[in-house]
Amino acid sequence: MSSSIIITGASSGIGRASALALAGWDGPLILSGRSSDRLQETLDLLIERRGRGSVCRADLDSPEQLAALVDWAEQQAPLHGFVHAGGGAEFGTAQSQPPEVWEAQIGLNLNAAYRLTHLALQGMIPRKQGHLVYVNSVAGLRSFPASSAYVAAKHGLKGLADAVREDVREHDIKVSTLYPGATASEWWQKQEGDFPLQEMLEVEAVGAAVAYILNQVGQTVVEELLLRHQRGDF
């Protein structure tokens, strides 16, 4: 039986690369993000690769839209799980960023992941199968300056995935976390400063790692995978 996979952040970057790397998945990929036009571009590229999918716009900050996203996925085919690649970052020190920025970063990068997890598991647990893939960051393993809110959220995401893994072992559900280093996505081009994109991971490499994680057979699971540029962080 075919099954669906939700991919958040699928309008660009790692989310889009993950969708294209999973073009051979036996079931529909549910492409989610904020930009309907960009999601349609991803879907068109997916179809060119003979993949199957549909677009379901959802704002990660909206509990109602996340619930609608999971409902839509279940309508297309039984939900196998998700690739949670959505999120965002805003640079700033603890002394300079107002608490509102902290709350927004925790909401987008951690609270949304918990809501999506809770919703997805409602259908997955009775079926006793599936796979949750959290695209984290090296910031979930170590700290960086001017990134306190983002680092805290990503460390929290690691803790969430680790705890959920223990919660669902008895239900035969796999939980994986991918920790990519800095990745040459469009996000960096929107930031102030001259960042060395040539010293970052390619989004296609991260997408291929997501496909590798999801394509493990039987009871084998890649629980954690650290992906870095060969020369280290820039």
C-alpha atoms as a PDB file:
ATOM      1  CA  MET A   1       0.000   0.000   0.000  1.00  0.00           C
ATOM      2  CA  SER A   2       1.296   3.448  -0.892  1.00  0.00           C
ATOM      3  CA  SER A   3       1.690   6.049   1.838  1.00  0.00           C
ATOM      4  CA  SER A   4       2.108   9.804   2.005  1.00  0.00           C
ATOM      5  CA  ILE A   5       4.925  11.914   3.429  1.00  0.00           C
ATOM      6  CA  ILE A   6       4.587  15.535   4.506  1.00  0.00           C
ATOM      7  CA  ILE A   7       7.544  17.762   3.628  1.00  0.00           C
ATOM      8  CA  THR A   8       7.574  21.138   5.355  1.00  0.00           C
ATOM      9  CA  GLY A   9       9.645  23.969   3.967  1.00  0.00           C
ATOM     10  CA  ALA A  10       9.181  22.438   0.508  1.00  0.00           C
ATOM     11  CA  SER A  11       9.051  25.748  -1.338  1.00  0.00           C
ATOM     12  CA  SER A  12      12.860  26.036  -1.443  1.00  0.00           C
ATOM     13  CA  GLY A  13      16.178  24.940   0.013  1.00  0.00           C
ATOM     14  CA  ILE A  14      16.472  21.669   1.911  1.00  0.00           C
ATOM     15  CA  GLY A  15      12.740  21.014   1.782  1.00  0.00           C
ATOM     16  CA  ARG A  16      12.612  21.260  -1.993  1.00  0.00           C
ATOM     17  CA  ALA A  17      15.806  19.212  -2.385  1.00  0.00           C
ATOM     18  CA  SER A  18      14.336  16.528  -0.111  1.00  0.00           C
ATOM     19  CA  ALA A  19      11.174  16.340  -2.172  1.00  0.00           C
ATOM     20  CA  LEU A  20      13.106  15.929  -5.404  1.00  0.00           C
ATOM     21  CA  ALA A  21      15.401  13.309  -3.864  1.00  0.00           C
ATOM     22  CA  LEU A  22      12.275  11.364  -2.854  1.00  0.00           C
ATOM     23  CA  ALA A  23      10.710  11.451  -6.319  1.00  0.00           C
ATOM     24  CA  GLY A  24      10.719   7.659  -6.393  1.00  0.00           C
ATOM     25  CA  TRP A  25       8.663   7.338  -3.191  1.00  0.00           C
ATOM     26  CA  ASP A  26       5.728   4.951  -3.594  1.00  0.00           C
ATOM     27  CA  GLY A  27       3.052   7.447  -2.666  1.00  0.00           C
ATOM     28  CA  PRO A  28       2.247  11.151  -2.725  1.00  0.00           C
ATOM     29  CA  LEU A  29       4.578  13.733  -1.246  1.00  0.00           C
ATOM     30  CA  ILE A  30       2.617  16.487   0.479  1.00  0.00           C
ATOM     31  CA  LEU A  31       4.512  19.701  -0.186  1.00  0.00           C
ATOM     32  CA  SER A  32       3.969  22.352   2.458  1.00  0.00           C
ATOM     33  CA  GLY A  33       5.217  25.874   3.027  1.00  0.00           C
ATOM     34  CA  ARG A  34       4.044  29.467   2.956  1.00  0.00           C
ATOM     35  CA  SER A  35       4.391  30.317  -0.742  1.00  0.00           C
ATOM     36  CA  SER A  36       1.824  28.631  -2.979  1.00  0.00           C
ATOM     37  CA  ASP A  37       3.692  29.716  -6.116  1.00  0.00           C
ATOM     38  CA  ARG A  38       7.015  28.315  -4.936  1.00  0.00           C
ATOM     39  CA  LEU A  39       5.353  25.092  -3.794  1.00  0.00           C
ATOM     40  CA  GLN A  40       3.851  24.709  -7.248  1.00  0.00           C
ATOM     41  CA  GLU A  41       7.329  25.122  -8.726  1.00  0.00           C
ATOM     42  CA  THR A  42       8.541  22.292  -6.513  1.00  0.00           C
ATOM     43  CA  LEU A  43       5.599  20.138  -7.549  1.00  0.00           C
ATOM     44  CA  ASP A  44       6.318  20.788 -11.224  1.00  0.00           C
ATOM     45  CA  LEU A  45       9.950  19.735 -10.728  1.00  0.00           C
ATOM     46  CA  LEU A  46       8.793  16.648  -8.843  1.00  0.00           C
ATOM     47  CA  ILE A  47       6.427  15.644 -11.650  1.00  0.00           C
ATOM     48  CA  GLU A  48       9.256  16.092 -14.165  1.00  0.00           C
ATOM     49  CA  ARG A  49      11.074  13.405 -12.175  1.00  0.00           C
ATOM     50  CA  ARG A  50       7.957  11.217 -12.338  1.00  0.00           C
ATOM     51  CA  GLY A  51       7.179  11.790  -8.689  1.00  0.00           C
ATOM     52  CA  ARG A  52       3.727  12.106  -7.157  1.00  0.00           C
ATOM     53  CA  GLY A  53       2.565  14.874  -4.908  1.00  0.00           C
ATOM     54  CA  SER A  54       0.250  17.715  -4.041  1.00  0.00           C
ATOM     55  CA  VAL A  55       0.519  21.165  -2.528  1.00  0.00           C
ATOM     56  CA  CYS A  56      -0.941  22.086   0.846  1.00  0.00           C
ATOM     57  CA  ARG A  57       0.012  25.570   1.985  1.00  0.00           C
ATOM     58  CA  ALA A  58       0.447  25.830   5.752  1.00  0.00           C
ATOM     59  CA  ASP A  59       1.990  28.337   8.130  1.00  0.00           C
ATOM     60  CA  LEU A  60       3.985  26.560  10.825  1.00  0.00           C
ATOM     61  CA  ASP A  61       2.816  29.170  13.322  1.00  0.00           C
ATOM     62  CA  SER A  62      -0.837  28.204  12.784  1.00  0.00           C
ATOM     63  CA  PRO A  63      -2.132  25.173  14.739  1.00  0.00           C
ATOM     64  CA  GLU A  64      -5.241  25.151  12.569  1.00  0.00           C
ATOM     65  CA  GLN A  65      -3.258  25.042   9.331  1.00  0.00           C
ATOM     66  CA  LEU A  66      -0.996  22.290  10.655  1.00  0.00           C
ATOM     67  CA  ALA A  67      -4.064  20.225  11.557  1.00  0.00           C
ATOM     68  CA  ALA A  68      -5.469  20.798   8.076  1.00  0.00           C
ATOM     69  CA  LEU A  69      -2.129  19.752   6.578  1.00  0.00           C
ATOM     70  CA  VAL A  70      -2.121  16.408   8.378  1.00  0.00           C
ATOM     71  CA  ASP A  71      -5.788  15.844   7.502  1.00  0.00           C
ATOM     72  CA  TRP A  72      -5.039  16.532   3.831  1.00  0.00           C
ATOM     73  CA  ALA A  73      -2.108  14.115   3.829  1.00  0.00           C
ATOM     74  CA  GLU A  74      -4.208  11.344   5.377  1.00  0.00           C
ATOM     75  CA  GLN A  75      -6.839  11.895   2.684  1.00  0.00           C
ATOM     76  CA  GLN A  76      -4.270  11.398  -0.083  1.00  0.00           C
ATOM     77  CA  ALA A  77      -2.856   8.168   1.394  1.00  0.00           C
ATOM     78  CA  PRO A  78      -2.155   6.839   4.905  1.00  0.00           C
ATOM     79  CA  LEU A  79       0.475   9.081   6.432  1.00  0.00           C
ATOM     80  CA  HIS A  80       3.895   7.427   6.657  1.00  0.00           C
ATOM     81  CA  GLY A  81       5.431  10.417   8.406  1.00  0.00           C
ATOM     82  CA  PHE A  82       7.151  13.682   7.640  1.00  0.00           C
ATOM     83  CA  VAL A  83      10.345  15.448   6.735  1.00  0.00           C
ATOM     84  CA  HIS A  84      10.249  18.535   8.904  1.00  0.00           C
ATOM     85  CA  ALA A  85      12.539  20.936   7.067  1.00  0.00           C
ATOM     86  CA  GLY A  86      10.616  24.144   7.735  1.00  0.00           C
ATOM     87  CA  GLY A  87      11.821  26.832  10.108  1.00  0.00           C
ATOM     88  CA  GLY A  88      13.898  29.966  10.143  1.00  0.00           C
ATOM     89  CA  ALA A  89      16.566  31.966  11.915  1.00  0.00           C
ATOM     90  CA  GLU A  90      17.249  35.543  12.894  1.00  0.00           C
ATOM     91  CA  PHE A  91      20.692  36.612  13.990  1.00  0.00           C
ATOM     92  CA  GLY A  92      21.118  38.579  17.196  1.00  0.00           C
ATOM     93  CA  THR A  93      22.619  38.440  20.675  1.00  0.00           C
ATOM     94  CA  ALA A  94      20.680  37.813  23.872  1.00  0.00           C
ATOM     95  CA  GLN A  95      21.320  41.391  24.950  1.00  0.00           C
ATOM     96  CA  SER A  96      20.091  42.902  21.683  1.00  0.00           C
ATOM     97  CA  GLN A  97      17.132  40.768  20.593  1.00  0.00           C
ATOM     98  CA  PRO A  98      13.814  41.576  22.249  1.00  0.00           C
ATOM     99  CA  PRO A  99      11.915  38.733  23.933  1.00  0.00           C
ATOM    100  CA  GLU A 100       9.396  38.777  21.099  1.00  0.00           C
ATOM    101  CA  VAL A 101      12.082  37.528  18.694  1.00  0.00           C
ATOM    102  CA  TRP A 102      12.984  34.729  21.118  1.00  0.00           C
ATOM    103  CA  GLU A 103       9.349  33.682  21.365  1.00  0.00           C
ATOM    104  CA  ALA A 104       8.927  33.741  17.593  1.00  0.00           C
ATOM    105  CA  GLN A 105      12.049  31.603  17.066  1.00  0.00           C
ATOM    106  CA  ILE A 106      10.976  29.043  19.670  1.00  0.00           C
ATOM    107  CA  GLY A 107       7.497  28.998  18.174  1.00  0.00           C
ATOM    108  CA  LEU A 108       8.657  28.482  14.604  1.00  0.00           C
ATOM    109  CA  ASN A 109      11.527  26.059  15.213  1.00  0.00           C
ATOM    110  CA  LEU A 110      10.312  24.044  18.210  1.00  0.00           C
ATOM    111  CA  ASN A 111       6.644  24.486  19.076  1.00  0.00           C
ATOM    112  CA  ALA A 112       5.567  23.859  15.478  1.00  0.00           C
ATOM    113  CA  ALA A 113       7.593  20.631  15.406  1.00  0.00           C
ATOM    114  CA  TYR A 114       5.822  19.404  18.531  1.00  0.00           C
ATOM    115  CA  ARG A 115       2.378  20.228  17.129  1.00  0.00           C
ATOM    116  CA  LEU A 116       3.162  18.484  13.849  1.00  0.00           C
ATOM    117  CA  THR A 117       4.495  15.453  15.705  1.00  0.00           C
ATOM    118  CA  HIS A 118       1.421  15.218  17.934  1.00  0.00           C
ATOM    119  CA  LEU A 119      -0.945  15.460  14.969  1.00  0.00           C
ATOM    120  CA  ALA A 120       0.936  12.988  12.780  1.00  0.00           C
ATOM    121  CA  LEU A 121       1.160  10.318  15.458  1.00  0.00           C
ATOM    122  CA  GLN A 122      -2.608  10.133  15.901  1.00  0.00           C
ATOM    123  CA  GLY A 123      -2.904   8.111  12.700  1.00  0.00           C
ATOM    124  CA  MET A 124       0.557   6.553  12.642  1.00  0.00           C
ATOM    125  CA  ILE A 125       0.422   4.811  16.028  1.00  0.00           C
ATOM    126  CA  PRO A 126      -2.672   2.690  15.267  1.00  0.00           C
ATOM    127  CA  ARG A 127      -1.021   1.567  12.009  1.00  0.00           C
ATOM    128  CA  LYS A 128       2.206   0.725  13.912  1.00  0.00           C
ATOM    129  CA  GLN A 129       4.513   1.994  11.214  1.00  0.00           C
ATOM    130  CA  GLY A 130       6.047   5.196   9.921  1.00  0.00           C
ATOM    131  CA  HIS A 131       9.011   7.513  10.119  1.00  0.00           C
ATOM    132  CA  LEU A 132       9.521  11.015  11.512  1.00  0.00           C
ATOM    133  CA  VAL A 133      12.514  12.901  10.108  1.00  0.00           C
ATOM    134  CA  TYR A 134      13.558  16.150  11.790  1.00  0.00           C
ATOM    135  CA  VAL A 135      15.945  18.322   9.823  1.00  0.00           C
ATOM    136  CA  ASN A 136      17.829  20.031  12.630  1.00  0.00           C
ATOM    137  CA  SER A 137      21.197  21.819  12.315  1.00  0.00           C
ATOM    138  CA  VAL A 138      24.703  21.676  13.716  1.00  0.00           C
ATOM    139  CA  ALA A 139      23.270  24.412  15.945  1.00  0.00           C
ATOM    140  CA  GLY A 140      21.353  21.622  17.665  1.00  0.00           C
ATOM    141  CA  LEU A 141      24.677  20.126  18.780  1.00  0.00           C
ATOM    142  CA  ARG A 142      26.874  23.156  19.441  1.00  0.00           C
ATOM    143  CA  SER A 143      26.516  26.872  19.995  1.00  0.00           C
ATOM    144  CA  PHE A 144      27.254  29.872  17.784  1.00  0.00           C
ATOM    145  CA  PRO A 145      27.466  33.578  18.627  1.00  0.00           C
ATOM    146  CA  ALA A 146      24.599  35.928  17.802  1.00  0.00           C
ATOM    147  CA  SER A 147      22.222  32.993  17.546  1.00  0.00           C
ATOM    148  CA  SER A 148      20.936  32.391  21.077  1.00  0.00           C
ATOM    149  CA  ALA A 149      17.263  31.962  20.193  1.00  0.00           C
ATOM    150  CA  TYR A 150      17.972  29.748  17.182  1.00  0.00           C
ATOM    151  CA  VAL A 151      20.516  27.613  19.050  1.00  0.00           C
ATOM    152  CA  ALA A 152      18.133  27.162  21.986  1.00  0.00           C
ATOM    153  CA  ALA A 153      15.308  26.131  19.645  1.00  0.00           C
ATOM    154  CA  LYS A 154      17.493  23.634  17.798  1.00  0.00           C
ATOM    155  CA  HIS A 155      18.809  22.127  21.029  1.00  0.00           C
ATOM    156  CA  GLY A 156      15.181  21.817  22.067  1.00  0.00           C
ATOM    157  CA  LEU A 157      14.358  20.112  18.788  1.00  0.00           C
ATOM    158  CA  LYS A 158      17.065  17.528  19.466  1.00  0.00           C
ATOM    159  CA  GLY A 159      15.545  16.866  22.869  1.00  0.00           C
ATOM    160  CA  LEU A 160      12.082  16.560  21.369  1.00  0.00           C
ATOM    161  CA  ALA A 161      13.205  14.032  18.758  1.00  0.00           C
ATOM    162  CA  ASP A 162      15.162  12.003  21.308  1.00  0.00           C
ATOM    163  CA  ALA A 163      12.171  11.824  23.658  1.00  0.00           C
ATOM    164  CA  VAL A 164       9.662  11.035  20.913  1.00  0.00           C
ATOM    165  CA  ARG A 165      11.945   8.230  19.706  1.00  0.00           C
ATOM    166  CA  GLU A 166      11.608   6.534  23.076  1.00  0.00           C
ATOM    167  CA  ASP A 167       7.851   7.167  23.176  1.00  0.00           C
ATOM    168  CA  VAL A 168       7.167   5.432  19.864  1.00  0.00           C
ATOM    169  CA  ARG A 169       9.662   2.545  19.799  1.00  0.00           C
ATOM    170  CA  GLU A 170       6.961   0.138  20.953  1.00  0.00           C
ATOM    171  CA  HIS A 171       4.776   1.286  18.055  1.00  0.00           C
ATOM    172  CA  ASP A 172       7.434   0.444  15.428  1.00  0.00           C
ATOM    173  CA  ILE A 173       7.776   4.061  14.370  1.00  0.00           C
ATOM    174  CA  LYS A 174      11.227   5.324  13.401  1.00  0.00           C
ATOM    175  CA  VAL A 175      12.560   8.719  14.464  1.00  0.00           C
ATOM    176  CA  SER A 176      15.567  10.328  12.796  1.00  0.00           C
ATOM    177  CA  THR A 177      17.369  13.628  13.171  1.00  0.00           C
ATOM    178  CA  LEU A 178      19.596  15.076  10.461  1.00  0.00           C
ATOM    179  CA  TYR A 179      22.160  17.690  11.514  1.00  0.00           C
ATOM    180  CA  PRO A 180      23.408  19.504   8.410  1.00  0.00           C
ATOM    181  CA  GLY A 181      26.106  22.110   8.599  1.00  0.00           C
ATOM    182  CA  ALA A 182      25.667  25.471   6.896  1.00  0.00           C
ATOM    183  CA  THR A 183      23.887  24.789   3.608  1.00  0.00           C
ATOM    184  CA  ALA A 184      24.014  26.998   0.509  1.00  0.00           C
ATOM    185  CA  SER A 185      20.314  27.726   0.330  1.00  0.00           C
ATOM    186  CA  GLU A 186      18.567  30.897  -0.777  1.00  0.00           C
ATOM    187  CA  TRP A 187      18.196  31.920   2.872  1.00  0.00           C
ATOM    188  CA  TRP A 188      21.802  33.064   3.087  1.00  0.00           C
ATOM    189  CA  GLN A 189      21.366  35.373   0.104  1.00  0.00           C
ATOM    190  CA  LYS A 190      18.740  37.317   2.075  1.00  0.00           C
ATOM    191  CA  GLN A 191      21.068  37.984   5.011  1.00  0.00           C
ATOM    192  CA  GLU A 192      23.346  40.966   5.479  1.00  0.00           C
ATOM    193  CA  GLY A 193      26.986  40.102   4.989  1.00  0.00           C
ATOM    194  CA  ASP A 194      29.174  38.230   2.551  1.00  0.00           C
ATOM    195  CA  PHE A 195      28.803  34.532   3.311  1.00  0.00           C
ATOM    196  CA  PRO A 196      31.008  31.959   1.508  1.00  0.00           C
ATOM    197  CA  LEU A 197      28.374  29.795  -0.162  1.00  0.00           C
ATOM    198  CA  GLN A 198      31.108  27.783  -1.873  1.00  0.00           C
ATOM    199  CA  GLU A 199      32.239  26.574   1.564  1.00  0.00           C
ATOM    200  CA  MET A 200      28.777  25.311   2.494  1.00  0.00           C
ATOM    201  CA  LEU A 201      26.950  22.063   1.830  1.00  0.00           C
ATOM    202  CA  GLU A 202      24.924  21.810  -1.355  1.00  0.00           C
ATOM    203  CA  VAL A 203      21.174  21.496  -0.795  1.00  0.00           C
ATOM    204  CA  GLU A 204      21.138  18.451  -3.083  1.00  0.00           C
ATOM    205  CA  ALA A 205      23.540  16.664  -0.742  1.00  0.00           C
ATOM    206  CA  VAL A 206      21.249  17.292   2.213  1.00  0.00           C
ATOM    207  CA  GLY A 207      18.237  16.139   0.204  1.00  0.00           C
ATOM    208  CA  ALA A 208      20.086  12.950  -0.700  1.00  0.00           C
ATOM    209  CA  ALA A 209      20.799  12.369   3.005  1.00  0.00           C
ATOM    210  CA  VAL A 210      17.083  12.678   3.775  1.00  0.00           C
ATOM    211  CA  ALA A 211      16.295  10.088   1.099  1.00  0.00           C
ATOM    212  CA  TYR A 212      18.998   7.799   2.498  1.00  0.00           C
ATOM    213  CA  ILE A 213      17.425   8.018   5.945  1.00  0.00           C
ATOM    214  CA  LEU A 214      13.921   7.272   4.696  1.00  0.00           C
ATOM    215  CA  ASN A 215      14.963   4.432   2.420  1.00  0.00           C
ATOM    216  CA  GLN A 216      16.390   2.226   5.171  1.00  0.00           C
ATOM    217  CA  VAL A 217      14.633  -1.143   4.995  1.00  0.00           C
ATOM    218  CA  GLY A 218      12.980  -3.258   7.660  1.00  0.00           C
ATOM    219  CA  GLN A 219      13.639  -2.293  11.258  1.00  0.00           C
ATOM    220  CA  THR A 220      16.903  -0.511  10.449  1.00  0.00           C
ATOM    221  CA  VAL A 221      16.890   3.177  11.342  1.00  0.00           C
ATOM    222  CA  VAL A 222      19.410   5.985  11.094  1.00  0.00           C
ATOM    223  CA  GLU A 223      18.646   7.689  14.389  1.00  0.00           C
ATOM    224  CA  GLU A 224      21.084  10.581  13.963  1.00  0.00           C
ATOM    225  CA  LEU A 225      23.195  11.778  11.056  1.00  0.00           C
ATOM    226  CA  LEU A 226      25.689  14.665  11.152  1.00  0.00           C
ATOM    227  CA  LEU A 227      26.387  16.100   7.703  1.00  0.00           C
ATOM    228  CA  ARG A 228      29.192  18.606   7.286  1.00  0.00           C
ATOM    229  CA  HIS A 229      31.391  20.119   4.620  1.00  0.00           C
ATOM    230  CA  GLN A 230      34.667  18.206   4.335  1.00  0.00           C
ATOM    231  CA  ARG A 231      36.636  21.292   5.352  1.00  0.00           C
ATOM    232  CA  GLY A 232      34.444  21.961   8.370  1.00  0.00           C
ATOM    233  CA  ASP A 233      32.310  24.961   9.180  1.00  0.00           C
ATOM    234  CA  PHE A 234      33.163  28.209   7.446  1.00  0.00           C
END
